[in-house]
Amino acid sequence: MSDAPFPCLFPLAVIGSNEDGFHLAVIAVIRKHVPDMDEDRFHTRTSQQGSYLSIRVTFWAEDREQVDNLYRELGSLPQVKMIL
């Protein structure tokens, strides 16, 4: 995780199993912690063999607590393999 001064633009990538519900679950968690997030800010990419999905977004992080809570909740999703 970055030691950037807050508030700041914060890039986030969530990688997980490419299965039903993963994309929507990740977006729901991010929107819970960053309520003003627009749908067009999310970028997805499927792995070459189609097994994994990467969801990337850059958002305005207000403080470390917001980012820590976001990482914690995303990490609790069973499909999540990695958060960068």
PDB file of N, CA and C in Angstrom:
ATOM      1  N   MET A   1       0.842  -1.170   0.000  1.00  0.00           N
ATOM      2  CA  MET A   1       0.000   0.000   0.000  1.00  0.00           C
ATOM      3  C   MET A   1       0.888   1.235   0.000  1.00  0.00           C
ATOM      4  N   SER A   2       0.452   2.247  -0.651  1.00  0.00           N
ATOM      5  CA  SER A   2       1.211   3.491  -0.785  1.00  0.00           C
ATOM      6  C   SER A   2       1.244   4.271   0.527  1.00  0.00           C
ATOM      7  N   ASP A   3       2.337   5.012   0.744  1.00  0.00           N
ATOM      8  CA  ASP A   3       2.441   5.918   1.880  1.00  0.00           C
ATOM      9  C   ASP A   3       2.152   7.353   1.440  1.00  0.00           C
ATOM     10  N   ALA A   4       1.293   7.506   0.469  1.00  0.00           N
ATOM     11  CA  ALA A   4       0.968   8.812  -0.099  1.00  0.00           C
ATOM     12  C   ALA A   4       0.304   9.698   0.948  1.00  0.00           C
ATOM     13  N   PRO A   5       0.552  10.999   0.878  1.00  0.00           N
ATOM     14  CA  PRO A   5      -0.150  11.930   1.766  1.00  0.00           C
ATOM     15  C   PRO A   5      -1.622  12.007   1.346  1.00  0.00           C
ATOM     16  N   PHE A   6      -2.470  12.163   2.290  1.00  0.00           N
ATOM     17  CA  PHE A   6      -3.899  12.216   2.004  1.00  0.00           C
ATOM     18  C   PHE A   6      -4.383  13.647   2.170  1.00  0.00           C
ATOM     19  N   PRO A   7      -5.428  14.027   1.463  1.00  0.00           N
ATOM     20  CA  PRO A   7      -6.121  13.285   0.412  1.00  0.00           C
ATOM     21  C   PRO A   7      -5.268  13.191  -0.855  1.00  0.00           C
ATOM     22  N   CYS A   8      -5.552  12.148  -1.669  1.00  0.00           N
ATOM     23  CA  CYS A   8      -4.788  11.931  -2.893  1.00  0.00           C
ATOM     24  C   CYS A   8      -5.561  11.028  -3.845  1.00  0.00           C
ATOM     25  N   LEU A   9      -5.129  11.021  -5.115  1.00  0.00           N
ATOM     26  CA  LEU A   9      -5.649  10.045  -6.063  1.00  0.00           C
ATOM     27  C   LEU A   9      -4.999   8.721  -5.732  1.00  0.00           C
ATOM     28  N   PHE A  10      -5.799   7.662  -5.647  1.00  0.00           N
ATOM     29  CA  PHE A  10      -5.304   6.367  -5.212  1.00  0.00           C
ATOM     30  C   PHE A  10      -5.674   5.302  -6.240  1.00  0.00           C
ATOM     31  N   PRO A  11      -4.677   4.680  -6.886  1.00  0.00           N
ATOM     32  CA  PRO A  11      -4.968   3.603  -7.840  1.00  0.00           C
ATOM     33  C   PRO A  11      -5.186   2.286  -7.097  1.00  0.00           C
ATOM     34  N   LEU A  12      -6.142   1.515  -7.562  1.00  0.00           N
ATOM     35  CA  LEU A  12      -6.478   0.251  -6.920  1.00  0.00           C
ATOM     36  C   LEU A  12      -6.752  -0.791  -8.004  1.00  0.00           C
ATOM     37  N   ALA A  13      -6.224  -1.987  -7.807  1.00  0.00           N
ATOM     38  CA  ALA A  13      -6.517  -3.108  -8.705  1.00  0.00           C
ATOM     39  C   ALA A  13      -6.916  -4.297  -7.850  1.00  0.00           C
ATOM     40  N   VAL A  14      -8.009  -4.928  -8.225  1.00  0.00           N
ATOM     41  CA  VAL A  14      -8.492  -6.113  -7.523  1.00  0.00           C
ATOM     42  C   VAL A  14      -8.517  -7.248  -8.535  1.00  0.00           C
ATOM     43  N   ILE A  15      -7.847  -8.337  -8.209  1.00  0.00           N
ATOM     44  CA  ILE A  15      -7.766  -9.480  -9.105  1.00  0.00           C
ATOM     45  C   ILE A  15      -8.437 -10.657  -8.412  1.00  0.00           C
ATOM     46  N   GLY A  16      -9.294 -11.335  -9.169  1.00  0.00           N
ATOM     47  CA  GLY A  16     -10.002 -12.467  -8.582  1.00  0.00           C
ATOM     48  C   GLY A  16     -10.500 -13.436  -9.615  1.00  0.00           C
ATOM     49  N   SER A  17     -11.155 -14.464  -9.126  1.00  0.00           N
ATOM     50  CA  SER A  17     -11.711 -15.495  -9.999  1.00  0.00           C
ATOM     51  C   SER A  17     -12.773 -14.896 -10.904  1.00  0.00           C
ATOM     52  N   ASN A  18     -12.699 -15.223 -12.177  1.00  0.00           N
ATOM     53  CA  ASN A  18     -13.662 -14.726 -13.151  1.00  0.00           C
ATOM     54  C   ASN A  18     -14.912 -15.588 -13.072  1.00  0.00           C
ATOM     55  N   GLU A  19     -15.752 -15.274 -12.093  1.00  0.00           N
ATOM     56  CA  GLU A  19     -16.979 -16.030 -11.897  1.00  0.00           C
ATOM     57  C   GLU A  19     -18.140 -15.074 -11.653  1.00  0.00           C
ATOM     58  N   ASP A  20     -19.336 -15.603 -11.796  1.00  0.00           N
ATOM     59  CA  ASP A  20     -20.544 -14.786 -11.618  1.00  0.00           C
ATOM     60  C   ASP A  20     -20.513 -14.065 -10.281  1.00  0.00           C
ATOM     61  N   GLY A  21     -20.810 -12.798 -10.319  1.00  0.00           N
ATOM     62  CA  GLY A  21     -20.943 -12.009  -9.114  1.00  0.00           C
ATOM     63  C   GLY A  21     -19.687 -11.302  -8.648  1.00  0.00           C
ATOM     64  N   PHE A  22     -18.507 -11.716  -9.125  1.00  0.00           N
ATOM     65  CA  PHE A  22     -17.263 -11.114  -8.656  1.00  0.00           C
ATOM     66  C   PHE A  22     -17.213  -9.622  -8.978  1.00  0.00           C
ATOM     67  N   HIS A  23     -17.442  -9.289 -10.234  1.00  0.00           N
ATOM     68  CA  HIS A  23     -17.387  -7.895 -10.686  1.00  0.00           C
ATOM     69  C   HIS A  23     -18.350  -7.020  -9.877  1.00  0.00           C
ATOM     70  N   LEU A  24     -19.585  -7.458  -9.738  1.00  0.00           N
ATOM     71  CA  LEU A  24     -20.584  -6.676  -9.012  1.00  0.00           C
ATOM     72  C   LEU A  24     -20.254  -6.552  -7.531  1.00  0.00           C
ATOM     73  N   ALA A  25     -19.709  -7.603  -6.929  1.00  0.00           N
ATOM     74  CA  ALA A  25     -19.347  -7.563  -5.511  1.00  0.00           C
ATOM     75  C   ALA A  25     -18.230  -6.556  -5.269  1.00  0.00           C
ATOM     76  N   VAL A  26     -17.227  -6.543  -6.135  1.00  0.00           N
ATOM     77  CA  VAL A  26     -16.108  -5.606  -5.988  1.00  0.00           C
ATOM     78  C   VAL A  26     -16.603  -4.173  -6.145  1.00  0.00           C
ATOM     79  N   ILE A  27     -17.404  -3.925  -7.158  1.00  0.00           N
ATOM     80  CA  ILE A  27     -17.927  -2.577  -7.381  1.00  0.00           C
ATOM     81  C   ILE A  27     -18.784  -2.123  -6.193  1.00  0.00           C
ATOM     82  N   ALA A  28     -19.582  -3.015  -5.642  1.00  0.00           N
ATOM     83  CA  ALA A  28     -20.425  -2.667  -4.496  1.00  0.00           C
ATOM     84  C   ALA A  28     -19.577  -2.268  -3.290  1.00  0.00           C
ATOM     85  N   VAL A  29     -18.504  -2.997  -3.022  1.00  0.00           N
ATOM     86  CA  VAL A  29     -17.628  -2.672  -1.893  1.00  0.00           C
ATOM     87  C   VAL A  29     -16.944  -1.333  -2.126  1.00  0.00           C
ATOM     88  N   ILE A  30     -16.437  -1.122  -3.327  1.00  0.00           N
ATOM     89  CA  ILE A  30     -15.759   0.143  -3.614  1.00  0.00           C
ATOM     90  C   ILE A  30     -16.733   1.306  -3.473  1.00  0.00           C
ATOM     91  N   ARG A  31     -17.916   1.157  -3.997  1.00  0.00           N
ATOM     92  CA  ARG A  31     -18.915   2.242  -3.895  1.00  0.00           C
ATOM     93  C   ARG A  31     -19.353   2.490  -2.455  1.00  0.00           C
ATOM     94  N   LYS A  32     -19.300   1.480  -1.618  1.00  0.00           N
ATOM     95  CA  LYS A  32     -19.630   1.664  -0.204  1.00  0.00           C
ATOM     96  C   LYS A  32     -18.633   2.624   0.447  1.00  0.00           C
ATOM     97  N   HIS A  33     -17.368   2.504   0.065  1.00  0.00           N
ATOM     98  CA  HIS A  33     -16.314   3.314   0.669  1.00  0.00           C
ATOM     99  C   HIS A  33     -16.008   4.591  -0.121  1.00  0.00           C
ATOM    100  N   VAL A  34     -16.406   4.597  -1.399  1.00  0.00           N
ATOM    101  CA  VAL A  34     -16.219   5.767  -2.270  1.00  0.00           C
ATOM    102  C   VAL A  34     -17.555   5.998  -2.986  1.00  0.00           C
ATOM    103  N   PRO A  35     -18.515   6.593  -2.295  1.00  0.00           N
ATOM    104  CA  PRO A  35     -19.885   6.682  -2.803  1.00  0.00           C
ATOM    105  C   PRO A  35     -20.058   7.427  -4.128  1.00  0.00           C
ATOM    106  N   ASP A  36     -19.177   8.355  -4.451  1.00  0.00           N
ATOM    107  CA  ASP A  36     -19.354   9.147  -5.668  1.00  0.00           C
ATOM    108  C   ASP A  36     -18.683   8.520  -6.894  1.00  0.00           C
ATOM    109  N   MET A  37     -18.346   7.250  -6.822  1.00  0.00           N
ATOM    110  CA  MET A  37     -17.653   6.563  -7.918  1.00  0.00           C
ATOM    111  C   MET A  37     -18.605   6.311  -9.090  1.00  0.00           C
ATOM    112  N   ASP A  38     -18.221   6.784 -10.280  1.00  0.00           N
ATOM    113  CA  ASP A  38     -19.005   6.565 -11.495  1.00  0.00           C
ATOM    114  C   ASP A  38     -18.624   5.243 -12.143  1.00  0.00           C
ATOM    115  N   GLU A  39     -19.585   4.611 -12.798  1.00  0.00           N
ATOM    116  CA  GLU A  39     -19.376   3.318 -13.456  1.00  0.00           C
ATOM    117  C   GLU A  39     -18.259   3.372 -14.494  1.00  0.00           C
ATOM    118  N   ASP A  40     -18.128   4.484 -15.199  1.00  0.00           N
ATOM    119  CA  ASP A  40     -17.125   4.575 -16.267  1.00  0.00           C
ATOM    120  C   ASP A  40     -15.693   4.689 -15.734  1.00  0.00           C
ATOM    121  N   ARG A  41     -15.513   4.794 -14.432  1.00  0.00           N
ATOM    122  CA  ARG A  41     -14.169   4.857 -13.833  1.00  0.00           C
ATOM    123  C   ARG A  41     -13.571   3.469 -13.630  1.00  0.00           C
ATOM    124  N   PHE A  42     -14.400   2.421 -13.710  1.00  0.00           N
ATOM    125  CA  PHE A  42     -13.938   1.049 -13.527  1.00  0.00           C
ATOM    126  C   PHE A  42     -13.450   0.481 -14.856  1.00  0.00           C
ATOM    127  N   HIS A  43     -12.291  -0.169 -14.819  1.00  0.00           N
ATOM    128  CA  HIS A  43     -11.737  -0.808 -16.009  1.00  0.00           C
ATOM    129  C   HIS A  43     -11.486  -2.278 -15.693  1.00  0.00           C
ATOM    130  N   THR A  44     -11.975  -3.146 -16.561  1.00  0.00           N
ATOM    131  CA  THR A  44     -11.807  -4.576 -16.318  1.00  0.00           C
ATOM    132  C   THR A  44     -10.979  -5.211 -17.434  1.00  0.00           C
ATOM    133  N   ARG A  45     -10.320  -6.285 -17.051  1.00  0.00           N
ATOM    134  CA  ARG A  45      -9.523  -7.041 -18.013  1.00  0.00           C
ATOM    135  C   ARG A  45      -9.540  -8.505 -17.591  1.00  0.00           C
ATOM    136  N   THR A  46      -9.812  -9.363 -18.543  1.00  0.00           N
ATOM    137  CA  THR A  46      -9.827 -10.801 -18.293  1.00  0.00           C
ATOM    138  C   THR A  46      -8.456 -11.375 -18.614  1.00  0.00           C
ATOM    139  N   SER A  47      -8.017 -12.341 -17.811  1.00  0.00           N
ATOM    140  CA  SER A  47      -6.721 -12.978 -18.055  1.00  0.00           C
ATOM    141  C   SER A  47      -6.755 -13.707 -19.390  1.00  0.00           C
ATOM    142  N   GLN A  48      -5.576 -14.038 -19.884  1.00  0.00           N
ATOM    143  CA  GLN A  48      -5.452 -14.653 -21.208  1.00  0.00           C
ATOM    144  C   GLN A  48      -6.268 -15.944 -21.318  1.00  0.00           C
ATOM    145  N   GLN A  49      -6.295 -16.738 -20.264  1.00  0.00           N
ATOM    146  CA  GLN A  49      -7.048 -17.999 -20.310  1.00  0.00           C
ATOM    147  C   GLN A  49      -8.466 -17.843 -19.778  1.00  0.00           C
ATOM    148  N   GLY A  50      -8.823 -16.631 -19.336  1.00  0.00           N
ATOM    149  CA  GLY A  50     -10.182 -16.365 -18.896  1.00  0.00           C
ATOM    150  C   GLY A  50     -10.494 -16.781 -17.468  1.00  0.00           C
ATOM    151  N   SER A  51      -9.506 -17.209 -16.721  1.00  0.00           N
ATOM    152  CA  SER A  51      -9.736 -17.687 -15.350  1.00  0.00           C
ATOM    153  C   SER A  51      -9.863 -16.556 -14.332  1.00  0.00           C
ATOM    154  N   TYR A  52      -9.226 -15.425 -14.622  1.00  0.00           N
ATOM    155  CA  TYR A  52      -9.177 -14.324 -13.665  1.00  0.00           C
ATOM    156  C   TYR A  52      -9.679 -13.032 -14.301  1.00  0.00           C
ATOM    157  N   LEU A  53     -10.138 -12.141 -13.423  1.00  0.00           N
ATOM    158  CA  LEU A  53     -10.616 -10.841 -13.850  1.00  0.00           C
ATOM    159  C   LEU A  53      -9.927  -9.786 -13.002  1.00  0.00           C
ATOM    160  N   SER A  54      -9.425  -8.749 -13.643  1.00  0.00           N
ATOM    161  CA  SER A  54      -8.804  -7.622 -12.956  1.00  0.00           C
ATOM    162  C   SER A  54      -9.742  -6.427 -13.074  1.00  0.00           C
ATOM    163  N   ILE A  55      -9.999  -5.786 -11.945  1.00  0.00           N
ATOM    164  CA  ILE A  55     -10.831  -4.589 -11.914  1.00  0.00           C
ATOM    165  C   ILE A  55      -9.957  -3.463 -11.377  1.00  0.00           C
ATOM    166  N   ARG A  56      -9.775  -2.427 -12.197  1.00  0.00           N
ATOM    167  CA  ARG A  56      -8.909  -1.302 -11.821  1.00  0.00           C
ATOM    168  C   ARG A  56      -9.733  -0.029 -11.739  1.00  0.00           C
ATOM    169  N   VAL A  57      -9.330   0.805 -10.783  1.00  0.00           N
ATOM    170  CA  VAL A  57      -9.995   2.093 -10.610  1.00  0.00           C
ATOM    171  C   VAL A  57      -9.027   3.028  -9.882  1.00  0.00           C
ATOM    172  N   THR A  58      -9.118   4.303 -10.172  1.00  0.00           N
ATOM    173  CA  THR A  58      -8.385   5.316  -9.423  1.00  0.00           C
ATOM    174  C   THR A  58      -9.429   6.233  -8.804  1.00  0.00           C
ATOM    175  N   PHE A  59      -9.296   6.471  -7.517  1.00  0.00           N
ATOM    176  CA  PHE A  59     -10.297   7.278  -6.817  1.00  0.00           C
ATOM    177  C   PHE A  59      -9.618   8.285  -5.899  1.00  0.00           C
ATOM    178  N   TRP A  60     -10.391   9.252  -5.444  1.00  0.00           N
ATOM    179  CA  TRP A  60      -9.899  10.266  -4.530  1.00  0.00           C
ATOM    180  C   TRP A  60     -10.037   9.708  -3.117  1.00  0.00           C
ATOM    181  N   ALA A  61      -8.897   9.347  -2.511  1.00  0.00           N
ATOM    182  CA  ALA A  61      -8.889   8.796  -1.159  1.00  0.00           C
ATOM    183  C   ALA A  61      -8.771   9.938  -0.156  1.00  0.00           C
ATOM    184  N   GLU A  62      -9.659   9.954   0.800  1.00  0.00           N
ATOM    185  CA  GLU A  62      -9.682  11.024   1.799  1.00  0.00           C
ATOM    186  C   GLU A  62      -8.659  10.819   2.913  1.00  0.00           C
ATOM    187  N   ASP A  63      -8.487   9.553   3.335  1.00  0.00           N
ATOM    188  CA  ASP A  63      -7.546   9.281   4.428  1.00  0.00           C
ATOM    189  C   ASP A  63      -7.176   7.794   4.447  1.00  0.00           C
ATOM    190  N   ARG A  64      -6.178   7.462   5.262  1.00  0.00           N
ATOM    191  CA  ARG A  64      -5.698   6.077   5.351  1.00  0.00           C
ATOM    192  C   ARG A  64      -6.781   5.143   5.878  1.00  0.00           C
ATOM    193  N   GLU A  65      -7.601   5.617   6.788  1.00  0.00           N
ATOM    194  CA  GLU A  65      -8.670   4.774   7.335  1.00  0.00           C
ATOM    195  C   GLU A  65      -9.621   4.305   6.232  1.00  0.00           C
ATOM    196  N   GLN A  66      -9.970   5.196   5.318  1.00  0.00           N
ATOM    197  CA  GLN A  66     -10.838   4.831   4.194  1.00  0.00           C
ATOM    198  C   GLN A  66     -10.196   3.727   3.370  1.00  0.00           C
ATOM    199  N   VAL A  67      -8.920   3.891   3.048  1.00  0.00           N
ATOM    200  CA  VAL A  67      -8.206   2.911   2.228  1.00  0.00           C
ATOM    201  C   VAL A  67      -8.067   1.584   2.977  1.00  0.00           C
ATOM    202  N   ASP A  68      -7.702   1.637   4.248  1.00  0.00           N
ATOM    203  CA  ASP A  68      -7.566   0.412   5.041  1.00  0.00           C
ATOM    204  C   ASP A  68      -8.883  -0.354   5.116  1.00  0.00           C
ATOM    205  N   ASN A  69      -9.981   0.360   5.350  1.00  0.00           N
ATOM    206  CA  ASN A  69     -11.295  -0.292   5.413  1.00  0.00           C
ATOM    207  C   ASN A  69     -11.674  -0.907   4.070  1.00  0.00           C
ATOM    208  N   LEU A  70     -11.345  -0.221   2.997  1.00  0.00           N
ATOM    209  CA  LEU A  70     -11.622  -0.734   1.654  1.00  0.00           C
ATOM    210  C   LEU A  70     -10.841  -2.014   1.398  1.00  0.00           C
ATOM    211  N   TYR A  71      -9.542  -2.007   1.690  1.00  0.00           N
ATOM    212  CA  TYR A  71      -8.713  -3.207   1.518  1.00  0.00           C
ATOM    213  C   TYR A  71      -9.244  -4.359   2.369  1.00  0.00           C
ATOM    214  N   ARG A  72      -9.611  -4.072   3.596  1.00  0.00           N
ATOM    215  CA  ARG A  72     -10.089  -5.110   4.512  1.00  0.00           C
ATOM    216  C   ARG A  72     -11.355  -5.769   3.972  1.00  0.00           C
ATOM    217  N   GLU A  73     -12.303  -4.944   3.525  1.00  0.00           N
ATOM    218  CA  GLU A  73     -13.562  -5.510   3.037  1.00  0.00           C
ATOM    219  C   GLU A  73     -13.389  -6.235   1.708  1.00  0.00           C
ATOM    220  N   LEU A  74     -12.586  -5.665   0.808  1.00  0.00           N
ATOM    221  CA  LEU A  74     -12.324  -6.366  -0.459  1.00  0.00           C
ATOM    222  C   LEU A  74     -11.641  -7.706  -0.193  1.00  0.00           C
ATOM    223  N   GLY A  75     -10.701  -7.731   0.741  1.00  0.00           N
ATOM    224  CA  GLY A  75      -9.980  -8.958   1.074  1.00  0.00           C
ATOM    225  C   GLY A  75     -10.864 -10.034   1.668  1.00  0.00           C
ATOM    226  N   SER A  76     -12.019  -9.649   2.191  1.00  0.00           N
ATOM    227  CA  SER A  76     -12.926 -10.641   2.773  1.00  0.00           C
ATOM    228  C   SER A  76     -13.791 -11.329   1.715  1.00  0.00           C
ATOM    229  N   LEU A  77     -13.796 -10.805   0.485  1.00  0.00           N
ATOM    230  CA  LEU A  77     -14.580 -11.446  -0.578  1.00  0.00           C
ATOM    231  C   LEU A  77     -13.889 -12.758  -0.974  1.00  0.00           C
ATOM    232  N   PRO A  78     -14.606 -13.858  -1.017  1.00  0.00           N
ATOM    233  CA  PRO A  78     -13.967 -15.156  -1.283  1.00  0.00           C
ATOM    234  C   PRO A  78     -13.311 -15.280  -2.658  1.00  0.00           C
ATOM    235  N   GLN A  79     -13.785 -14.529  -3.651  1.00  0.00           N
ATOM    236  CA  GLN A  79     -13.223 -14.641  -5.001  1.00  0.00           C
ATOM    237  C   GLN A  79     -11.925 -13.849  -5.171  1.00  0.00           C
ATOM    238  N   VAL A  80     -11.643 -12.917  -4.268  1.00  0.00           N
ATOM    239  CA  VAL A  80     -10.469 -12.042  -4.406  1.00  0.00           C
ATOM    240  C   VAL A  80      -9.196 -12.837  -4.160  1.00  0.00           C
ATOM    241  N   LYS A  81      -8.275 -12.726  -5.108  1.00  0.00           N
ATOM    242  CA  LYS A  81      -6.957 -13.388  -4.997  1.00  0.00           C
ATOM    243  C   LYS A  81      -5.865 -12.407  -4.625  1.00  0.00           C
ATOM    244  N   MET A  82      -5.988 -11.139  -5.076  1.00  0.00           N
ATOM    245  CA  MET A  82      -4.939 -10.159  -4.846  1.00  0.00           C
ATOM    246  C   MET A  82      -5.521  -8.755  -4.956  1.00  0.00           C
ATOM    247  N   ILE A  83      -4.985  -7.851  -4.105  1.00  0.00           N
ATOM    248  CA  ILE A  83      -5.364  -6.449  -4.158  1.00  0.00           C
ATOM    249  C   ILE A  83      -4.074  -5.657  -4.276  1.00  0.00           C
ATOM    250  N   LEU A  84      -3.989  -4.836  -5.289  1.00  0.00           N
ATOM    251  CA  LEU A  84      -2.785  -4.023  -5.511  1.00  0.00           C
ATOM    252  C   LEU A  84      -3.148  -2.554  -5.448  1.00  0.00           C
TER     253      LEU A  84
END
